[in-house]
Amino acid sequence: QVQLVESGGGLVQAGGSLRLSCAASGRTFSSYTMGWFRQAPGKERESVAAISGGGGSTYYWDSVKGRFTISRANAKNTVYLQMDSLKPEDTAVYYCAASDYRMAHTPDLFASWGQGTQVTVSS
């Protein structure tokens, strides 16, 4: 199992940007599909983006396409989520997670999870 720690969340105005980071402790980080998920009060956890082990393939939920970018630096055991043009509906706790499955992007396929970081977008 990989241990994951998110950082970079905070309060930002609508239209602003944030970059989330997820630092991993693991010997085989590059073998994991990495994903970002979010959960707002009263809503189920939902997929945001995912990236393959080598970084060559990405997935984005429709609501964030064109605004969010997922990337990874395997030499640093780190995955990032660049969030631009933020909207109030992006407000949620954001989690990073690791999966053994190639290009997984649903929560049930991810076994290792970080503690989450709060993102709040004001209008």
N, C-alpha and C. Protein backbone atom coordinates (compact mmCIF):
# COMPACT_ATOMS: atom_id res chain seq x y z
N GLN A 1 0.82 -1.19 0.00
CA GLN A 1 0.00 0.00 0.00
C GLN A 1 0.87 1.25 0.00
N VAL A 2 0.39 2.26 -0.73
CA VAL A 2 1.09 3.53 -0.85
C VAL A 2 0.48 4.52 0.16
N GLN A 3 1.34 5.26 0.85
CA GLN A 3 0.88 6.32 1.74
C GLN A 3 0.89 7.64 0.99
N LEU A 4 -0.22 8.38 1.05
CA LEU A 4 -0.42 9.58 0.26
C LEU A 4 -0.77 10.76 1.15
N VAL A 5 -0.19 11.93 0.84
CA VAL A 5 -0.46 13.15 1.59
C VAL A 5 -0.71 14.28 0.61
N GLU A 6 -1.92 14.87 0.65
CA GLU A 6 -2.29 15.98 -0.22
C GLU A 6 -1.91 17.31 0.42
N SER A 7 -1.68 18.32 -0.43
CA SER A 7 -1.45 19.67 0.03
C SER A 7 -1.84 20.64 -1.09
N GLY A 8 -1.97 21.92 -0.76
CA GLY A 8 -2.22 22.95 -1.75
C GLY A 8 -3.63 23.50 -1.76
N GLY A 9 -4.53 22.94 -0.97
CA GLY A 9 -5.89 23.44 -0.92
C GLY A 9 -5.95 24.80 -0.23
N GLY A 10 -7.10 25.45 -0.35
CA GLY A 10 -7.28 26.75 0.27
C GLY A 10 -8.51 27.44 -0.23
N LEU A 11 -8.60 28.74 0.04
CA LEU A 11 -9.71 29.58 -0.36
C LEU A 11 -9.30 30.44 -1.54
N VAL A 12 -10.12 30.44 -2.59
CA VAL A 12 -9.82 31.21 -3.79
C VAL A 12 -11.11 31.78 -4.36
N GLN A 13 -11.02 32.92 -5.02
CA GLN A 13 -12.18 33.51 -5.67
C GLN A 13 -12.49 32.81 -6.98
N ALA A 14 -13.75 32.86 -7.38
CA ALA A 14 -14.15 32.30 -8.67
C ALA A 14 -13.28 32.87 -9.79
N GLY A 15 -12.85 31.99 -10.68
CA GLY A 15 -11.97 32.39 -11.76
C GLY A 15 -10.50 32.24 -11.45
N GLY A 16 -10.17 31.98 -10.20
CA GLY A 16 -8.80 31.83 -9.78
C GLY A 16 -8.26 30.43 -10.00
N SER A 17 -7.03 30.21 -9.53
CA SER A 17 -6.34 28.94 -9.75
C SER A 17 -5.72 28.41 -8.47
N LEU A 18 -5.59 27.11 -8.40
CA LEU A 18 -4.87 26.42 -7.34
C LEU A 18 -4.16 25.22 -7.94
N ARG A 19 -3.05 24.82 -7.34
CA ARG A 19 -2.40 23.58 -7.72
C ARG A 19 -2.30 22.68 -6.50
N LEU A 20 -2.91 21.51 -6.59
CA LEU A 20 -2.84 20.52 -5.54
C LEU A 20 -1.68 19.57 -5.80
N SER A 21 -1.03 19.14 -4.72
CA SER A 21 0.05 18.17 -4.81
C SER A 21 -0.28 16.97 -3.95
N CYS A 22 0.19 15.81 -4.36
CA CYS A 22 0.03 14.58 -3.60
C CYS A 22 1.37 13.88 -3.55
N ALA A 23 1.95 13.82 -2.37
CA ALA A 23 3.25 13.17 -2.18
C ALA A 23 3.04 11.73 -1.73
N ALA A 24 3.72 10.81 -2.39
CA ALA A 24 3.55 9.39 -2.13
C ALA A 24 4.81 8.78 -1.55
N SER A 25 4.61 7.84 -0.65
CA SER A 25 5.71 7.02 -0.12
C SER A 25 5.54 5.63 -0.70
N GLY A 26 6.44 5.24 -1.57
CA GLY A 26 6.32 3.93 -2.18
C GLY A 26 7.47 3.62 -3.11
N ARG A 27 7.81 2.36 -3.15
CA ARG A 27 8.92 1.91 -3.98
C ARG A 27 8.54 1.77 -5.45
N THR A 28 7.25 1.54 -5.71
CA THR A 28 6.78 1.28 -7.06
C THR A 28 5.72 2.29 -7.48
N PHE A 29 5.95 3.56 -7.21
CA PHE A 29 4.97 4.61 -7.51
C PHE A 29 4.57 4.62 -8.98
N SER A 30 5.53 4.42 -9.87
CA SER A 30 5.25 4.52 -11.29
C SER A 30 4.35 3.41 -11.81
N SER A 31 4.13 2.37 -11.03
CA SER A 31 3.26 1.28 -11.45
C SER A 31 1.79 1.54 -11.15
N TYR A 32 1.48 2.59 -10.41
CA TYR A 32 0.10 2.89 -10.02
C TYR A 32 -0.54 3.91 -10.94
N THR A 33 -1.80 3.64 -11.29
CA THR A 33 -2.65 4.70 -11.80
C THR A 33 -2.99 5.62 -10.63
N MET A 34 -2.89 6.92 -10.84
CA MET A 34 -3.19 7.90 -9.80
C MET A 34 -4.43 8.69 -10.18
N GLY A 35 -5.25 8.98 -9.18
CA GLY A 35 -6.47 9.72 -9.44
C GLY A 35 -6.72 10.81 -8.42
N TRP A 36 -7.52 11.79 -8.84
CA TRP A 36 -8.04 12.83 -7.94
C TRP A 36 -9.55 12.68 -7.88
N PHE A 37 -10.09 12.81 -6.68
CA PHE A 37 -11.52 12.71 -6.42
C PHE A 37 -11.93 13.87 -5.53
N ARG A 38 -13.22 14.13 -5.45
CA ARG A 38 -13.70 15.18 -4.57
C ARG A 38 -15.05 14.80 -3.98
N GLN A 39 -15.33 15.38 -2.81
CA GLN A 39 -16.59 15.13 -2.14
C GLN A 39 -17.06 16.40 -1.45
N ALA A 40 -18.25 16.84 -1.82
CA ALA A 40 -18.88 18.01 -1.21
C ALA A 40 -19.94 17.55 -0.22
N PRO A 41 -20.31 18.39 0.76
CA PRO A 41 -21.34 18.00 1.73
C PRO A 41 -22.63 17.58 1.06
N GLY A 42 -23.16 16.43 1.48
CA GLY A 42 -24.41 15.94 0.94
C GLY A 42 -24.31 15.27 -0.41
N LYS A 43 -23.11 15.12 -0.94
CA LYS A 43 -22.91 14.50 -2.24
C LYS A 43 -21.97 13.31 -2.13
N GLU A 44 -22.08 12.39 -3.08
CA GLU A 44 -21.18 11.24 -3.13
C GLU A 44 -19.82 11.66 -3.66
N ARG A 45 -18.81 10.88 -3.30
CA ARG A 45 -17.48 11.11 -3.83
C ARG A 45 -17.49 10.87 -5.34
N GLU A 46 -16.87 11.77 -6.09
CA GLU A 46 -16.88 11.66 -7.53
C GLU A 46 -15.46 11.76 -8.10
N SER A 47 -15.29 11.15 -9.25
CA SER A 47 -14.02 11.21 -9.96
C SER A 47 -13.80 12.60 -10.52
N VAL A 48 -12.56 13.05 -10.53
CA VAL A 48 -12.17 14.32 -11.12
C VAL A 48 -11.24 14.08 -12.30
N ALA A 49 -10.15 13.34 -12.06
CA ALA A 49 -9.16 13.08 -13.09
C ALA A 49 -8.33 11.88 -12.71
N ALA A 50 -7.70 11.25 -13.69
CA ALA A 50 -6.81 10.13 -13.44
C ALA A 50 -5.69 10.15 -14.46
N ILE A 51 -4.56 9.53 -14.11
CA ILE A 51 -3.40 9.49 -14.98
C ILE A 51 -2.73 8.13 -14.88
N SER A 52 -2.28 7.60 -16.00
CA SER A 52 -1.64 6.30 -16.04
C SER A 52 -0.27 6.35 -15.38
N GLY A 53 0.28 5.17 -15.10
CA GLY A 53 1.54 5.08 -14.38
C GLY A 53 2.68 5.85 -15.03
N GLY A 54 2.78 5.77 -16.35
CA GLY A 54 3.82 6.48 -17.06
C GLY A 54 3.48 7.90 -17.42
N GLY A 55 2.24 8.32 -17.17
CA GLY A 55 1.81 9.67 -17.45
C GLY A 55 1.31 9.91 -18.87
N GLY A 56 1.23 8.86 -19.68
CA GLY A 56 0.88 9.03 -21.08
C GLY A 56 -0.60 9.11 -21.37
N SER A 57 -1.44 8.67 -20.44
CA SER A 57 -2.89 8.68 -20.64
C SER A 57 -3.55 9.38 -19.48
N THR A 58 -4.57 10.18 -19.78
CA THR A 58 -5.30 10.92 -18.74
C THR A 58 -6.80 10.78 -18.95
N TYR A 59 -7.53 10.97 -17.87
CA TYR A 59 -8.98 10.97 -17.87
C TYR A 59 -9.46 12.19 -17.10
N TYR A 60 -10.52 12.83 -17.60
CA TYR A 60 -11.12 13.96 -16.91
C TYR A 60 -12.63 13.82 -16.90
N TRP A 61 -13.23 14.16 -15.76
CA TRP A 61 -14.66 14.25 -15.67
C TRP A 61 -15.13 15.43 -16.52
N ASP A 62 -16.29 15.30 -17.14
CA ASP A 62 -16.77 16.31 -18.08
C ASP A 62 -16.79 17.72 -17.49
N SER A 63 -17.16 17.85 -16.23
CA SER A 63 -17.31 19.16 -15.62
C SER A 63 -16.00 19.92 -15.45
N VAL A 64 -14.86 19.22 -15.54
CA VAL A 64 -13.56 19.88 -15.34
C VAL A 64 -12.71 19.90 -16.60
N LYS A 65 -13.16 19.29 -17.67
CA LYS A 65 -12.38 19.27 -18.91
C LYS A 65 -12.11 20.70 -19.39
N GLY A 66 -10.86 20.94 -19.76
CA GLY A 66 -10.47 22.26 -20.22
C GLY A 66 -10.08 23.21 -19.12
N ARG A 67 -10.35 22.85 -17.87
CA ARG A 67 -10.02 23.70 -16.72
C ARG A 67 -8.97 23.08 -15.81
N PHE A 68 -9.01 21.76 -15.64
CA PHE A 68 -8.09 21.06 -14.74
C PHE A 68 -7.09 20.25 -15.56
N THR A 69 -5.87 20.11 -15.03
CA THR A 69 -4.84 19.31 -15.66
C THR A 69 -4.17 18.43 -14.62
N ILE A 70 -4.15 17.12 -14.85
CA ILE A 70 -3.46 16.19 -13.97
C ILE A 70 -2.09 15.86 -14.58
N SER A 71 -1.08 15.77 -13.73
CA SER A 71 0.26 15.42 -14.18
C SER A 71 0.97 14.68 -13.05
N ARG A 72 2.10 14.08 -13.38
CA ARG A 72 2.86 13.38 -12.35
C ARG A 72 4.35 13.50 -12.61
N ALA A 73 5.12 13.46 -11.54
CA ALA A 73 6.58 13.46 -11.59
C ALA A 73 7.03 12.22 -10.83
N ASN A 74 7.21 11.13 -11.56
CA ASN A 74 7.50 9.85 -10.90
C ASN A 74 8.82 9.87 -10.14
N ALA A 75 9.80 10.63 -10.62
CA ALA A 75 11.07 10.73 -9.92
C ALA A 75 10.92 11.38 -8.56
N LYS A 76 9.85 12.15 -8.37
CA LYS A 76 9.56 12.82 -7.10
C LYS A 76 8.44 12.14 -6.32
N ASN A 77 7.90 11.05 -6.85
CA ASN A 77 6.76 10.36 -6.23
C ASN A 77 5.62 11.33 -5.94
N THR A 78 5.28 12.16 -6.93
CA THR A 78 4.29 13.20 -6.73
C THR A 78 3.34 13.28 -7.91
N VAL A 79 2.05 13.50 -7.62
CA VAL A 79 1.05 13.76 -8.64
C VAL A 79 0.44 15.13 -8.35
N TYR A 80 0.07 15.86 -9.41
CA TYR A 80 -0.44 17.21 -9.28
C TYR A 80 -1.81 17.34 -9.92
N LEU A 81 -2.57 18.31 -9.45
CA LEU A 81 -3.80 18.71 -10.11
C LEU A 81 -3.80 20.23 -10.22
N GLN A 82 -3.58 20.73 -11.43
CA GLN A 82 -3.65 22.16 -11.68
C GLN A 82 -5.09 22.53 -11.97
N MET A 83 -5.66 23.44 -11.20
CA MET A 83 -7.05 23.83 -11.32
C MET A 83 -7.12 25.31 -11.71
N ASP A 84 -7.65 25.57 -12.89
CA ASP A 84 -7.82 26.93 -13.39
C ASP A 84 -9.30 27.23 -13.58
N SER A 85 -9.63 28.51 -13.69
CA SER A 85 -11.01 28.95 -13.89
C SER A 85 -11.96 28.30 -12.90
N LEU A 86 -11.59 28.34 -11.64
CA LEU A 86 -12.37 27.67 -10.60
C LEU A 86 -13.76 28.29 -10.44
N LYS A 87 -14.73 27.43 -10.14
CA LYS A 87 -16.11 27.82 -9.96
C LYS A 87 -16.56 27.45 -8.55
N PRO A 88 -17.58 28.12 -8.01
CA PRO A 88 -18.08 27.76 -6.68
C PRO A 88 -18.46 26.29 -6.56
N GLU A 89 -18.96 25.69 -7.63
CA GLU A 89 -19.34 24.29 -7.59
C GLU A 89 -18.16 23.34 -7.51
N ASP A 90 -16.93 23.85 -7.63
CA ASP A 90 -15.73 23.04 -7.42
C ASP A 90 -15.40 22.88 -5.94
N THR A 91 -16.09 23.59 -5.07
CA THR A 91 -15.83 23.52 -3.64
C THR A 91 -16.07 22.10 -3.12
N ALA A 92 -15.05 21.53 -2.48
CA ALA A 92 -15.13 20.15 -1.98
C ALA A 92 -13.83 19.82 -1.26
N VAL A 93 -13.83 18.67 -0.59
CA VAL A 93 -12.59 18.08 -0.12
C VAL A 93 -12.03 17.24 -1.27
N TYR A 94 -10.79 17.48 -1.61
CA TYR A 94 -10.14 16.77 -2.71
C TYR A 94 -9.20 15.71 -2.17
N TYR A 95 -9.29 14.50 -2.74
CA TYR A 95 -8.48 13.37 -2.33
C TYR A 95 -7.66 12.85 -3.50
N CYS A 96 -6.44 12.43 -3.24
CA CYS A 96 -5.70 11.67 -4.23
C CYS A 96 -5.72 10.20 -3.84
N ALA A 97 -5.57 9.33 -4.81
CA ALA A 97 -5.66 7.90 -4.57
C ALA A 97 -4.83 7.13 -5.59
N ALA A 98 -4.46 5.91 -5.23
CA ALA A 98 -3.65 5.04 -6.08
C ALA A 98 -4.39 3.74 -6.36
N SER A 99 -4.28 3.28 -7.60
CA SER A 99 -4.96 2.07 -8.04
C SER A 99 -4.00 1.11 -8.72
N ASP A 100 -4.23 -0.18 -8.52
CA ASP A 100 -3.47 -1.21 -9.22
C ASP A 100 -3.99 -1.44 -10.64
N TYR A 101 -5.15 -0.88 -10.96
CA TYR A 101 -5.78 -1.13 -12.25
C TYR A 101 -5.39 -0.06 -13.25
N ARG A 102 -5.11 -0.49 -14.47
CA ARG A 102 -4.68 0.41 -15.53
C ARG A 102 -5.81 1.37 -15.91
N MET A 103 -5.55 2.66 -15.77
CA MET A 103 -6.48 3.74 -16.11
C MET A 103 -7.84 3.61 -15.42
N ALA A 104 -7.81 3.18 -14.16
CA ALA A 104 -9.00 3.22 -13.34
C ALA A 104 -9.39 4.67 -13.08
N HIS A 105 -10.70 4.93 -12.93
CA HIS A 105 -11.14 6.28 -12.60
C HIS A 105 -12.41 6.31 -11.75
N THR A 106 -12.79 5.18 -11.18
CA THR A 106 -13.91 5.14 -10.25
C THR A 106 -13.39 4.79 -8.86
N PRO A 107 -13.99 5.36 -7.79
CA PRO A 107 -13.44 5.21 -6.44
C PRO A 107 -13.26 3.76 -5.99
N ASP A 108 -14.13 2.86 -6.42
CA ASP A 108 -14.07 1.48 -5.96
C ASP A 108 -12.81 0.75 -6.40
N LEU A 109 -12.11 1.25 -7.41
CA LEU A 109 -10.91 0.60 -7.93
C LEU A 109 -9.62 1.15 -7.32
N PHE A 110 -9.73 2.08 -6.38
CA PHE A 110 -8.57 2.68 -5.74
C PHE A 110 -8.46 2.20 -4.30
N ALA A 111 -7.31 1.64 -3.94
CA ALA A 111 -7.12 1.02 -2.63
C ALA A 111 -6.44 1.93 -1.62
N SER A 112 -5.62 2.87 -2.07
CA SER A 112 -4.87 3.76 -1.18
C SER A 112 -5.37 5.18 -1.34
N TRP A 113 -5.63 5.86 -0.22
CA TRP A 113 -6.20 7.21 -0.23
C TRP A 113 -5.45 8.14 0.70
N GLY A 114 -5.36 9.41 0.30
CA GLY A 114 -4.83 10.43 1.17
C GLY A 114 -5.89 10.92 2.13
N GLN A 115 -5.52 11.89 2.98
CA GLN A 115 -6.43 12.39 4.01
C GLN A 115 -7.36 13.48 3.50
N GLY A 116 -7.08 14.04 2.35
CA GLY A 116 -7.91 15.07 1.75
C GLY A 116 -7.42 16.47 2.05
N THR A 117 -7.73 17.41 1.15
CA THR A 117 -7.42 18.81 1.34
C THR A 117 -8.62 19.64 0.88
N GLN A 118 -8.99 20.65 1.66
CA GLN A 118 -10.19 21.43 1.39
C GLN A 118 -9.91 22.49 0.33
N VAL A 119 -10.79 22.55 -0.67
CA VAL A 119 -10.77 23.61 -1.67
C VAL A 119 -12.10 24.35 -1.58
N THR A 120 -12.05 25.66 -1.36
CA THR A 120 -13.24 26.48 -1.26
C THR A 120 -13.15 27.61 -2.28
N VAL A 121 -14.16 27.71 -3.13
CA VAL A 121 -14.19 28.74 -4.17
C VAL A 121 -15.35 29.67 -3.86
N SER A 122 -15.05 30.93 -3.64
CA SER A 122 -16.06 31.93 -3.31
C SER A 122 -16.53 32.65 -4.55
N SER A 123 -17.76 33.15 -4.52
CA SER A 123 -18.32 33.89 -5.63
C SER A 123 -18.09 35.38 -5.49
